[in-house]
Amino acid sequence: MCNLERFDIDLKALTDENTSLSWELDSQFFQSLEGAQVQDGSLHVSGSIRKAVGFFELQLHTDGTVRIPCDRCLEMMDQPIETDLRLVVKLGCEYQENDDIITIDENEGVLHLAWFIYESIILAVPIQHVHQPGDCNDAMMRVLNEHSAARSSDADAKEIDPRWEALKNLKV
């Protein structure tokens, strides 16, 4: 398992105005997160933290691939990911998340980045993820086409309810 503590940033200990960050993410990172939908991938995260008066500005860029099932054939596929994350963090009385501003308890002063990185990756995964044409599992595609054809021919054979038939004449 991956040690998620390496993604913890002690904001109070930052001495430089700009601090560079860099991590390599693999399957151990995803498996260490509870409730993660993605379980495998290979990504590079790089960025910086800019220390300003009263707040910290965090900018991260993530690129690489995650392994997810194809929506069409259910075989695992590599989905390219490229995303940017910008957070403004300030110290306060208790932990709060408001839009892109995160308030960290000033007594602790530690920003836990692992889940923020994971969320930015998940949000970059397209809603529909399918293999390139011709790359899907042939056996699964034959079964899918067989059942799709049977279902569409059954629908054509049924007569349309006359109440719905009248709606086809409406001009929108």
Protein backbone atom coordinates (compact mmCIF):
# COMPACT_ATOMS: atom_id res chain seq x y z
CA MET A 1 0.00 0.00 0.00
CA CYS A 2 1.02 3.55 -0.67
CA ASN A 3 1.84 5.87 2.19
CA LEU A 4 -0.59 8.79 1.70
CA GLU A 5 1.35 10.91 4.20
CA ARG A 6 3.72 11.91 1.40
CA PHE A 7 0.82 13.99 0.02
CA ASP A 8 0.53 15.96 3.28
CA ILE A 9 1.90 19.51 3.11
CA ASP A 10 2.81 21.27 6.35
CA LEU A 11 1.90 24.81 5.39
CA LYS A 12 3.33 26.39 8.54
CA ALA A 13 6.73 24.84 7.81
CA LEU A 14 7.02 26.35 4.31
CA THR A 15 9.85 28.86 4.27
CA ASP A 16 10.22 29.64 0.56
CA GLU A 17 7.82 31.87 -1.32
CA ASN A 18 7.48 29.16 -4.01
CA THR A 19 7.73 25.44 -3.31
CA SER A 20 7.81 22.86 -6.12
CA LEU A 21 5.91 19.58 -5.84
CA SER A 22 6.20 16.36 -7.83
CA TRP A 23 4.76 12.85 -7.44
CA GLU A 24 4.39 9.68 -9.49
CA LEU A 25 1.04 7.92 -9.01
CA ASP A 26 0.49 4.21 -9.61
CA SER A 27 -1.99 1.49 -8.62
CA GLN A 28 -0.78 1.64 -4.99
CA PHE A 29 -1.98 5.26 -4.74
CA PHE A 30 -5.50 4.40 -5.96
CA GLN A 31 -5.77 1.27 -3.82
CA SER A 32 -4.76 3.24 -0.70
CA LEU A 33 -7.77 5.54 -1.03
CA GLU A 34 -10.99 4.25 0.51
CA GLY A 35 -13.91 4.29 -1.92
CA ALA A 36 -11.81 4.98 -5.02
CA GLN A 37 -13.58 4.04 -8.26
CA VAL A 38 -10.34 3.89 -10.26
CA GLN A 39 -7.93 1.23 -9.01
CA ASP A 40 -5.03 1.44 -11.47
CA GLY A 41 -3.11 4.05 -13.41
CA SER A 42 0.19 5.71 -14.11
CA LEU A 43 0.24 9.47 -13.70
CA HIS A 44 2.70 12.27 -13.02
CA VAL A 45 1.67 15.18 -10.78
CA SER A 46 3.73 18.36 -10.73
CA GLY A 47 3.05 21.80 -9.39
CA SER A 48 3.86 24.46 -6.88
CA ILE A 49 2.68 26.21 -3.75
CA ARG A 50 3.00 29.98 -3.66
CA LYS A 51 3.10 31.46 -0.18
CA ALA A 52 1.41 34.86 0.02
CA VAL A 53 0.25 37.09 2.84
CA GLY A 54 -2.70 35.34 4.49
CA PHE A 55 -3.06 32.45 2.05
CA PHE A 56 -1.33 29.80 -0.05
CA GLU A 57 -2.00 29.23 -3.74
CA LEU A 58 -1.60 25.66 -4.94
CA GLN A 59 -1.39 24.77 -8.64
CA LEU A 60 -1.05 21.16 -9.81
CA HIS A 61 -0.87 19.62 -13.27
CA THR A 62 -1.60 15.90 -13.69
CA ASP A 63 -1.08 13.84 -16.82
CA GLY A 64 -0.88 10.15 -17.63
CA THR A 65 -3.36 7.29 -17.97
CA VAL A 66 -5.84 5.44 -15.76
CA ARG A 67 -7.12 1.91 -16.34
CA ILE A 68 -10.90 1.76 -16.48
CA PRO A 69 -13.44 -0.62 -18.06
CA CYS A 70 -14.68 0.16 -21.57
CA ASP A 71 -18.39 1.06 -21.52
CA ARG A 72 -18.97 -0.99 -24.66
CA CYS A 73 -17.09 -4.29 -24.16
CA LEU A 74 -16.16 -4.10 -20.42
CA GLU A 75 -12.47 -4.87 -21.10
CA MET A 76 -9.93 -2.71 -19.27
CA MET A 77 -8.57 0.20 -21.29
CA ASP A 78 -6.06 3.01 -20.84
CA GLN A 79 -7.79 6.39 -20.61
CA PRO A 80 -5.47 9.38 -21.11
CA ILE A 81 -5.88 12.03 -18.41
CA GLU A 82 -4.65 15.61 -18.31
CA THR A 83 -5.98 18.01 -15.71
CA ASP A 84 -5.10 21.11 -13.72
CA LEU A 85 -6.03 21.84 -10.12
CA ARG A 86 -5.92 25.24 -8.45
CA LEU A 87 -6.66 25.68 -4.76
CA VAL A 88 -6.41 28.62 -2.42
CA VAL A 89 -5.66 27.57 1.14
CA LYS A 90 -5.71 29.71 4.24
CA LEU A 91 -5.28 29.05 7.93
CA GLY A 92 -8.28 29.49 10.21
CA CYS A 93 -10.15 28.18 13.24
CA GLU A 94 -11.42 24.91 11.71
CA TYR A 95 -11.37 22.93 8.48
CA GLN A 96 -13.78 24.20 5.80
CA GLU A 97 -14.16 23.85 2.04
CA ASN A 98 -15.85 26.72 0.19
CA ASP A 99 -15.61 26.58 -3.62
CA ASP A 100 -11.87 26.77 -4.34
CA ILE A 101 -10.94 28.15 -0.91
CA ILE A 102 -9.95 25.66 1.75
CA THR A 103 -9.49 26.68 5.36
CA ILE A 104 -7.10 24.53 7.40
CA ASP A 105 -7.05 24.46 11.20
CA GLU A 106 -4.13 26.73 12.04
CA ASN A 107 -3.16 24.57 15.02
CA GLU A 108 -2.57 21.60 12.69
CA GLY A 109 -1.49 23.53 9.57
CA VAL A 110 -1.35 20.42 7.37
CA LEU A 111 -3.05 20.16 3.97
CA HIS A 112 -3.93 16.57 2.99
CA LEU A 113 -3.69 16.59 -0.82
CA ALA A 114 -4.27 12.91 -1.73
CA TRP A 115 -8.06 13.11 -2.04
CA PHE A 116 -7.94 16.46 -3.91
CA ILE A 117 -5.55 14.93 -6.45
CA TYR A 118 -7.80 11.88 -6.81
CA GLU A 119 -10.92 14.03 -7.30
CA SER A 120 -9.25 16.08 -10.03
CA ILE A 121 -8.29 12.85 -11.83
CA ILE A 122 -11.81 11.40 -11.56
CA LEU A 123 -13.36 14.62 -12.86
CA ALA A 124 -11.08 14.43 -15.91
CA VAL A 125 -12.36 10.96 -16.88
CA PRO A 126 -14.89 11.38 -19.72
CA ILE A 127 -18.49 10.36 -19.06
CA GLN A 128 -18.32 7.79 -21.85
CA HIS A 129 -15.08 5.87 -22.15
CA VAL A 130 -14.78 3.40 -25.00
CA HIS A 131 -11.96 1.80 -26.96
CA GLN A 132 -10.96 3.19 -30.33
CA PRO A 133 -13.00 1.60 -33.17
CA GLY A 134 -11.83 -1.96 -33.71
CA ASP A 135 -10.09 -2.30 -30.32
CA CYS A 136 -13.07 -3.68 -28.36
CA ASN A 137 -13.25 -7.37 -27.42
CA ASP A 138 -14.53 -9.16 -30.56
CA ALA A 139 -16.48 -11.85 -28.66
CA MET A 140 -18.26 -9.25 -26.52
CA MET A 141 -19.05 -7.11 -29.57
CA ARG A 142 -20.64 -10.10 -31.37
CA VAL A 143 -22.87 -10.79 -28.36
CA LEU A 144 -23.73 -7.09 -28.05
CA ASN A 145 -24.62 -6.82 -31.75
CA GLU A 146 -26.69 -10.01 -31.60
CA HIS A 147 -28.76 -8.75 -28.68
CA SER A 148 -29.02 -5.20 -30.02
CA ALA A 149 -30.41 -6.46 -33.35
CA ALA A 150 -32.95 -8.72 -31.62
CA ARG A 151 -34.15 -5.93 -29.38
CA SER A 152 -34.57 -3.38 -32.19
CA SER A 153 -36.50 -5.86 -34.41
CA ASP A 154 -38.87 -6.60 -31.50
CA ALA A 155 -39.55 -2.90 -31.02
CA ASP A 156 -40.40 -2.42 -34.70
CA ALA A 157 -42.91 -5.29 -34.56
CA LYS A 158 -44.93 -3.70 -31.76
CA GLU A 159 -47.67 -1.28 -32.66
CA ILE A 160 -47.33 2.24 -31.27
CA ASP A 161 -49.96 3.31 -28.75
CA PRO A 162 -52.40 5.68 -30.55
CA ARG A 163 -52.07 8.26 -27.77
CA TRP A 164 -48.34 8.54 -28.54
CA GLU A 165 -48.90 8.37 -32.30
CA ALA A 166 -50.63 11.77 -32.17
CA LEU A 167 -47.50 13.33 -30.67
CA LYS A 168 -45.48 12.48 -33.77
CA ASN A 169 -47.54 15.05 -35.73
CA LEU A 170 -46.59 17.96 -33.45
CA LYS A 171 -44.21 20.54 -34.94
CA VAL A 172 -41.59 21.72 -32.49
